[in-house]
Each structure stands twice: as C-alpha cells, then as structure tokens.
Amino acid sequence: MMLLCLFLLFSKMVDKSFQDETESKADVVNGFEGSNVSLSHRLTDSDPYSLHWYRQYPRSKPEFIILLMRNSAPVKTDGRFTAKHDKQSKSVHLEISNAEVADSA
C-alpha cells in the first residue's frame, strides 16, 4: 500500500480577524490508502468563532476543505471529511475516512 503523508494548513478566524493560535499535535501524519486518518490541533482560544481547514500541495495555493462554526455539530463534507470541536480538551479534529493518494500533500 502506498504511504500517505498528510500535511494540512490550519487557520482560524476569530471575530473576523485571522489569528494563528493553534498547536499541531503532529507535523506529519502517516496513513495508508483506504485507512481512516485523524488530524488534531489544540486551540489556545477555547471558543473560536470558526475553524477553517485547508490543504496545500507544494507550489500551490491553499485549498479549502471544511468550515466548522462555533457551537455547531460535527460537519461532514463529500462523505470523507468530518470536523469536530472538542471544547473539553480545547481541540479540533479533522477525520478523513477512506484516505486517498490525492489527500497527500
């Protein structure tokens, strides 16, 4: 199986201003094609207005993946990406089901 290296650019918007107030739990997450992969970030602000997940390929612009709004239920897109905000642990998780080679960055 081909090994996937997933790199995601994570940015957060708070009250209409962009701020870099997250800490990645891992710089690189490895997974196999067809497996489920979870990416996590710890928030320094426990209640952000919104969380934006992006993927960026080398020499390319960031590509929007998913938006999670404050107090919203877990958000799912295209059947494979799910974003969850865990207020208790002050973290946000992006879960990728059935990882594909195209998810690599």
N, C-alpha and C. Protein backbone atom coordinates (compact mmCIF):
# COMPACT_ATOMS: atom_id res chain seq x y z
N MET A 1 0.84 -1.20 0.00
CA MET A 1 0.00 0.00 0.00
C MET A 1 0.88 1.25 0.00
N MET A 2 0.38 2.23 -0.64
CA MET A 2 1.13 3.48 -0.70
C MET A 2 0.95 4.25 0.61
N LEU A 3 2.04 4.74 1.14
CA LEU A 3 2.00 5.50 2.38
C LEU A 3 1.62 6.94 2.06
N LEU A 4 0.72 7.46 2.83
CA LEU A 4 0.28 8.84 2.63
C LEU A 4 0.91 9.75 3.67
N CYS A 5 1.37 10.85 3.26
CA CYS A 5 1.83 11.88 4.19
C CYS A 5 0.86 13.04 4.06
N LEU A 6 0.22 13.35 5.12
CA LEU A 6 -0.79 14.40 5.08
C LEU A 6 -0.29 15.64 5.81
N PHE A 7 -0.26 16.72 5.11
CA PHE A 7 0.12 17.98 5.69
C PHE A 7 -1.08 18.91 5.49
N LEU A 8 -1.53 19.51 6.51
CA LEU A 8 -2.65 20.43 6.36
C LEU A 8 -2.30 21.78 6.95
N LEU A 9 -2.67 22.76 6.23
CA LEU A 9 -2.54 24.11 6.72
C LEU A 9 -3.82 24.41 7.48
N PHE A 10 -3.67 24.81 8.70
CA PHE A 10 -4.83 25.04 9.55
C PHE A 10 -4.86 26.52 9.90
N SER A 11 -5.96 27.15 9.69
CA SER A 11 -6.07 28.54 10.10
C SER A 11 -7.39 28.73 10.83
N LYS A 12 -7.43 29.76 11.63
CA LYS A 12 -8.59 30.00 12.46
C LYS A 12 -9.03 31.45 12.30
N MET A 13 -10.31 31.66 12.25
CA MET A 13 -10.84 33.01 12.17
C MET A 13 -11.59 33.30 13.46
N VAL A 14 -11.22 34.41 14.11
CA VAL A 14 -11.87 34.79 15.36
C VAL A 14 -12.37 36.22 15.19
N ASP A 15 -13.68 36.39 15.34
CA ASP A 15 -14.29 37.71 15.22
C ASP A 15 -13.79 38.47 13.99
N LYS A 16 -13.81 37.80 12.85
CA LYS A 16 -13.47 38.36 11.55
C LYS A 16 -12.00 38.73 11.39
N SER A 17 -11.12 38.28 12.28
CA SER A 17 -9.69 38.54 12.09
C SER A 17 -8.95 37.21 12.13
N PHE A 18 -7.97 37.05 11.24
CA PHE A 18 -7.23 35.80 11.19
C PHE A 18 -6.12 35.83 12.24
N GLN A 19 -6.01 34.75 12.98
CA GLN A 19 -5.00 34.63 14.01
C GLN A 19 -4.46 33.22 13.98
N ASP A 20 -3.17 33.08 14.28
CA ASP A 20 -2.56 31.76 14.33
C ASP A 20 -2.43 31.36 15.79
N GLU A 21 -3.46 30.75 16.32
CA GLU A 21 -3.49 30.39 17.73
C GLU A 21 -3.81 28.92 17.91
N THR A 22 -3.11 28.07 17.19
CA THR A 22 -3.30 26.64 17.33
C THR A 22 -1.95 25.96 17.47
N GLU A 23 -1.97 24.78 18.04
CA GLU A 23 -0.76 23.98 18.15
C GLU A 23 -1.07 22.61 17.56
N SER A 24 -0.30 22.23 16.55
CA SER A 24 -0.49 20.93 15.92
C SER A 24 0.01 19.85 16.86
N LYS A 25 -0.74 18.76 16.95
CA LYS A 25 -0.31 17.63 17.77
C LYS A 25 0.73 16.80 17.04
N ALA A 26 0.84 16.97 15.71
CA ALA A 26 1.85 16.27 14.91
C ALA A 26 2.08 17.05 13.63
N ASP A 27 3.34 17.21 13.22
CA ASP A 27 3.64 17.92 11.98
C ASP A 27 3.28 17.09 10.76
N VAL A 28 3.46 15.79 10.86
CA VAL A 28 3.18 14.88 9.75
C VAL A 28 2.37 13.71 10.29
N VAL A 29 1.33 13.36 9.58
CA VAL A 29 0.52 12.20 9.94
C VAL A 29 0.60 11.21 8.79
N ASN A 30 0.98 10.00 9.09
CA ASN A 30 1.09 8.96 8.06
C ASN A 30 -0.11 8.03 8.13
N GLY A 31 -0.55 7.60 6.98
CA GLY A 31 -1.65 6.64 6.92
C GLY A 31 -1.57 5.89 5.61
N PHE A 32 -2.31 4.83 5.51
CA PHE A 32 -2.33 4.03 4.30
C PHE A 32 -3.57 4.34 3.48
N GLU A 33 -3.44 4.18 2.18
CA GLU A 33 -4.57 4.37 1.29
C GLU A 33 -5.71 3.46 1.73
N GLY A 34 -6.91 4.05 1.86
CA GLY A 34 -8.08 3.30 2.30
C GLY A 34 -8.31 3.32 3.80
N SER A 35 -7.32 3.79 4.56
CA SER A 35 -7.48 3.83 6.02
C SER A 35 -8.15 5.13 6.45
N ASN A 36 -8.48 5.22 7.73
CA ASN A 36 -9.03 6.45 8.31
C ASN A 36 -7.89 7.18 9.01
N VAL A 37 -7.84 8.49 8.84
CA VAL A 37 -6.77 9.31 9.39
C VAL A 37 -7.39 10.45 10.17
N SER A 38 -6.82 10.79 11.32
CA SER A 38 -7.32 11.89 12.13
C SER A 38 -6.19 12.89 12.38
N LEU A 39 -6.48 14.16 12.13
CA LEU A 39 -5.54 15.24 12.38
C LEU A 39 -6.11 16.10 13.50
N SER A 40 -5.27 16.46 14.46
CA SER A 40 -5.76 17.20 15.62
C SER A 40 -4.91 18.43 15.88
N HIS A 41 -5.57 19.48 16.34
CA HIS A 41 -4.91 20.71 16.75
C HIS A 41 -5.48 21.13 18.10
N ARG A 42 -4.59 21.57 18.98
CA ARG A 42 -5.02 22.11 20.27
C ARG A 42 -5.22 23.61 20.08
N LEU A 43 -6.30 24.12 20.61
CA LEU A 43 -6.62 25.54 20.48
C LEU A 43 -6.11 26.31 21.68
N THR A 44 -5.53 27.48 21.45
CA THR A 44 -5.14 28.33 22.57
C THR A 44 -6.30 29.22 22.99
N ASP A 45 -7.28 29.37 22.09
CA ASP A 45 -8.52 30.09 22.39
C ASP A 45 -9.60 29.02 22.45
N SER A 46 -10.20 28.82 23.60
CA SER A 46 -11.12 27.69 23.78
C SER A 46 -12.44 27.82 23.03
N ASP A 47 -12.81 29.01 22.59
CA ASP A 47 -14.11 29.17 21.94
C ASP A 47 -13.99 30.04 20.69
N PRO A 48 -13.32 29.56 19.64
CA PRO A 48 -13.19 30.37 18.43
C PRO A 48 -14.52 30.50 17.70
N TYR A 49 -14.65 31.56 16.93
CA TYR A 49 -15.87 31.77 16.16
C TYR A 49 -16.01 30.73 15.06
N SER A 50 -14.92 30.47 14.35
CA SER A 50 -14.96 29.46 13.29
C SER A 50 -13.57 28.86 13.08
N LEU A 51 -13.56 27.67 12.54
CA LEU A 51 -12.32 26.96 12.25
C LEU A 51 -12.33 26.56 10.78
N HIS A 52 -11.28 26.91 10.08
CA HIS A 52 -11.17 26.64 8.65
C HIS A 52 -10.04 25.65 8.42
N TRP A 53 -10.31 24.55 7.74
CA TRP A 53 -9.27 23.58 7.40
C TRP A 53 -8.92 23.75 5.93
N TYR A 54 -7.62 23.77 5.65
CA TYR A 54 -7.10 23.88 4.29
C TYR A 54 -6.08 22.78 4.03
N ARG A 55 -5.93 22.43 2.77
CA ARG A 55 -4.87 21.51 2.34
C ARG A 55 -4.03 22.30 1.34
N GLN A 56 -2.70 22.14 1.42
CA GLN A 56 -1.84 22.86 0.48
C GLN A 56 -0.80 21.91 -0.11
N TYR A 57 -0.83 21.79 -1.41
CA TYR A 57 0.16 20.99 -2.13
C TYR A 57 1.39 21.86 -2.40
N PRO A 58 2.56 21.26 -2.56
CA PRO A 58 3.77 22.04 -2.86
C PRO A 58 3.56 22.93 -4.09
N ARG A 59 4.00 24.16 -3.98
CA ARG A 59 3.93 25.15 -5.06
C ARG A 59 2.49 25.42 -5.53
N SER A 60 1.54 25.25 -4.64
CA SER A 60 0.13 25.51 -4.98
C SER A 60 -0.52 26.36 -3.90
N LYS A 61 -1.63 26.96 -4.27
CA LYS A 61 -2.40 27.75 -3.31
C LYS A 61 -3.09 26.83 -2.32
N PRO A 62 -3.38 27.33 -1.11
CA PRO A 62 -4.16 26.52 -0.16
C PRO A 62 -5.53 26.20 -0.76
N GLU A 63 -6.02 25.01 -0.46
CA GLU A 63 -7.32 24.55 -0.95
C GLU A 63 -8.24 24.34 0.26
N PHE A 64 -9.36 25.04 0.25
CA PHE A 64 -10.32 24.94 1.35
C PHE A 64 -10.91 23.53 1.42
N ILE A 65 -10.98 22.98 2.64
CA ILE A 65 -11.57 21.65 2.83
C ILE A 65 -12.90 21.72 3.58
N ILE A 66 -12.89 22.39 4.74
CA ILE A 66 -14.10 22.35 5.58
C ILE A 66 -14.11 23.53 6.55
N LEU A 67 -15.30 23.96 6.93
CA LEU A 67 -15.50 25.04 7.89
C LEU A 67 -16.33 24.50 9.05
N LEU A 68 -15.88 24.77 10.26
CA LEU A 68 -16.61 24.38 11.46
C LEU A 68 -16.94 25.65 12.24
N MET A 69 -18.22 25.91 12.45
CA MET A 69 -18.66 27.11 13.16
C MET A 69 -18.79 26.83 14.66
N ARG A 70 -18.67 27.89 15.45
CA ARG A 70 -18.80 27.78 16.90
C ARG A 70 -20.13 27.12 17.26
N ASN A 71 -20.08 26.22 18.20
CA ASN A 71 -21.25 25.52 18.73
C ASN A 71 -21.99 24.68 17.70
N SER A 72 -21.36 24.39 16.58
CA SER A 72 -22.05 23.55 15.59
C SER A 72 -21.78 22.08 15.86
N ALA A 73 -22.65 21.26 15.33
CA ALA A 73 -22.44 19.81 15.41
C ALA A 73 -21.29 19.46 14.47
N PRO A 74 -20.75 18.26 14.58
CA PRO A 74 -19.70 17.86 13.64
C PRO A 74 -20.15 18.08 12.20
N VAL A 75 -19.24 18.57 11.38
CA VAL A 75 -19.54 18.90 9.99
C VAL A 75 -18.88 17.87 9.09
N LYS A 76 -19.62 17.40 8.10
CA LYS A 76 -19.10 16.40 7.17
C LYS A 76 -19.22 16.94 5.75
N THR A 77 -18.17 16.73 4.93
CA THR A 77 -18.22 17.14 3.52
C THR A 77 -17.86 15.97 2.63
N ASP A 78 -18.34 15.96 1.47
CA ASP A 78 -18.13 14.97 0.40
C ASP A 78 -18.05 13.53 0.90
N GLY A 79 -18.60 13.29 2.08
CA GLY A 79 -18.63 11.93 2.59
C GLY A 79 -17.35 11.42 3.21
N ARG A 80 -16.23 12.18 3.12
CA ARG A 80 -14.97 11.67 3.67
C ARG A 80 -14.35 12.55 4.74
N PHE A 81 -14.62 13.84 4.76
CA PHE A 81 -14.03 14.74 5.74
C PHE A 81 -15.06 15.10 6.81
N THR A 82 -14.65 14.97 8.07
CA THR A 82 -15.50 15.34 9.19
C THR A 82 -14.69 16.20 10.16
N ALA A 83 -15.24 17.34 10.58
CA ALA A 83 -14.57 18.21 11.54
C ALA A 83 -15.37 18.22 12.83
N LYS A 84 -14.66 18.13 13.96
CA LYS A 84 -15.30 18.13 15.27
C LYS A 84 -14.53 19.06 16.19
N HIS A 85 -15.27 19.81 17.01
CA HIS A 85 -14.68 20.70 18.01
C HIS A 85 -14.92 20.08 19.38
N ASP A 86 -13.86 19.77 20.09
CA ASP A 86 -13.96 19.19 21.43
C ASP A 86 -13.63 20.28 22.44
N LYS A 87 -14.67 20.92 22.98
CA LYS A 87 -14.46 22.03 23.91
C LYS A 87 -13.75 21.60 25.19
N GLN A 88 -14.03 20.40 25.65
CA GLN A 88 -13.43 19.93 26.90
C GLN A 88 -11.91 19.84 26.80
N SER A 89 -11.40 19.31 25.70
CA SER A 89 -9.95 19.19 25.53
C SER A 89 -9.36 20.38 24.77
N LYS A 90 -10.21 21.36 24.43
CA LYS A 90 -9.80 22.55 23.67
C LYS A 90 -9.05 22.16 22.41
N SER A 91 -9.66 21.27 21.64
CA SER A 91 -9.01 20.83 20.40
C SER A 91 -10.04 20.65 19.30
N VAL A 92 -9.54 20.59 18.09
CA VAL A 92 -10.38 20.35 16.92
C VAL A 92 -9.75 19.21 16.14
N HIS A 93 -10.60 18.37 15.57
CA HIS A 93 -10.13 17.17 14.87
C HIS A 93 -10.70 17.16 13.46
N LEU A 94 -9.85 16.82 12.50
CA LEU A 94 -10.29 16.59 11.14
C LEU A 94 -10.09 15.11 10.87
N GLU A 95 -11.18 14.43 10.60
CA GLU A 95 -11.12 12.99 10.33
C GLU A 95 -11.33 12.77 8.83
N ILE A 96 -10.43 11.99 8.24
CA ILE A 96 -10.50 11.66 6.82
C ILE A 96 -10.77 10.17 6.73
N SER A 97 -11.91 9.82 6.19
CA SER A 97 -12.21 8.39 6.03
C SER A 97 -11.82 7.96 4.63
N ASN A 98 -11.41 6.71 4.52
CA ASN A 98 -11.02 6.14 3.23
C ASN A 98 -10.00 7.03 2.51
N ALA A 99 -8.87 7.27 3.19
CA ALA A 99 -7.83 8.16 2.66
C ALA A 99 -7.41 7.77 1.25
N GLU A 100 -7.16 8.79 0.44
CA GLU A 100 -6.76 8.59 -0.95
C GLU A 100 -5.38 9.20 -1.17
N VAL A 101 -4.71 8.76 -2.20
CA VAL A 101 -3.41 9.32 -2.54
C VAL A 101 -3.54 10.82 -2.77
N ALA A 102 -4.65 11.27 -3.33
CA ALA A 102 -4.89 12.69 -3.59
C ALA A 102 -4.97 13.51 -2.30
N ASP A 103 -5.16 12.87 -1.15
CA ASP A 103 -5.19 13.58 0.13
C ASP A 103 -3.79 13.94 0.59
N SER A 104 -2.78 13.35 -0.02
CA SER A 104 -1.40 13.63 0.34
C SER A 104 -1.05 15.06 -0.04
N ALA A 105 -0.12 15.60 0.67
CA ALA A 105 0.35 16.94 0.34
C ALA A 105 1.85 16.98 0.49
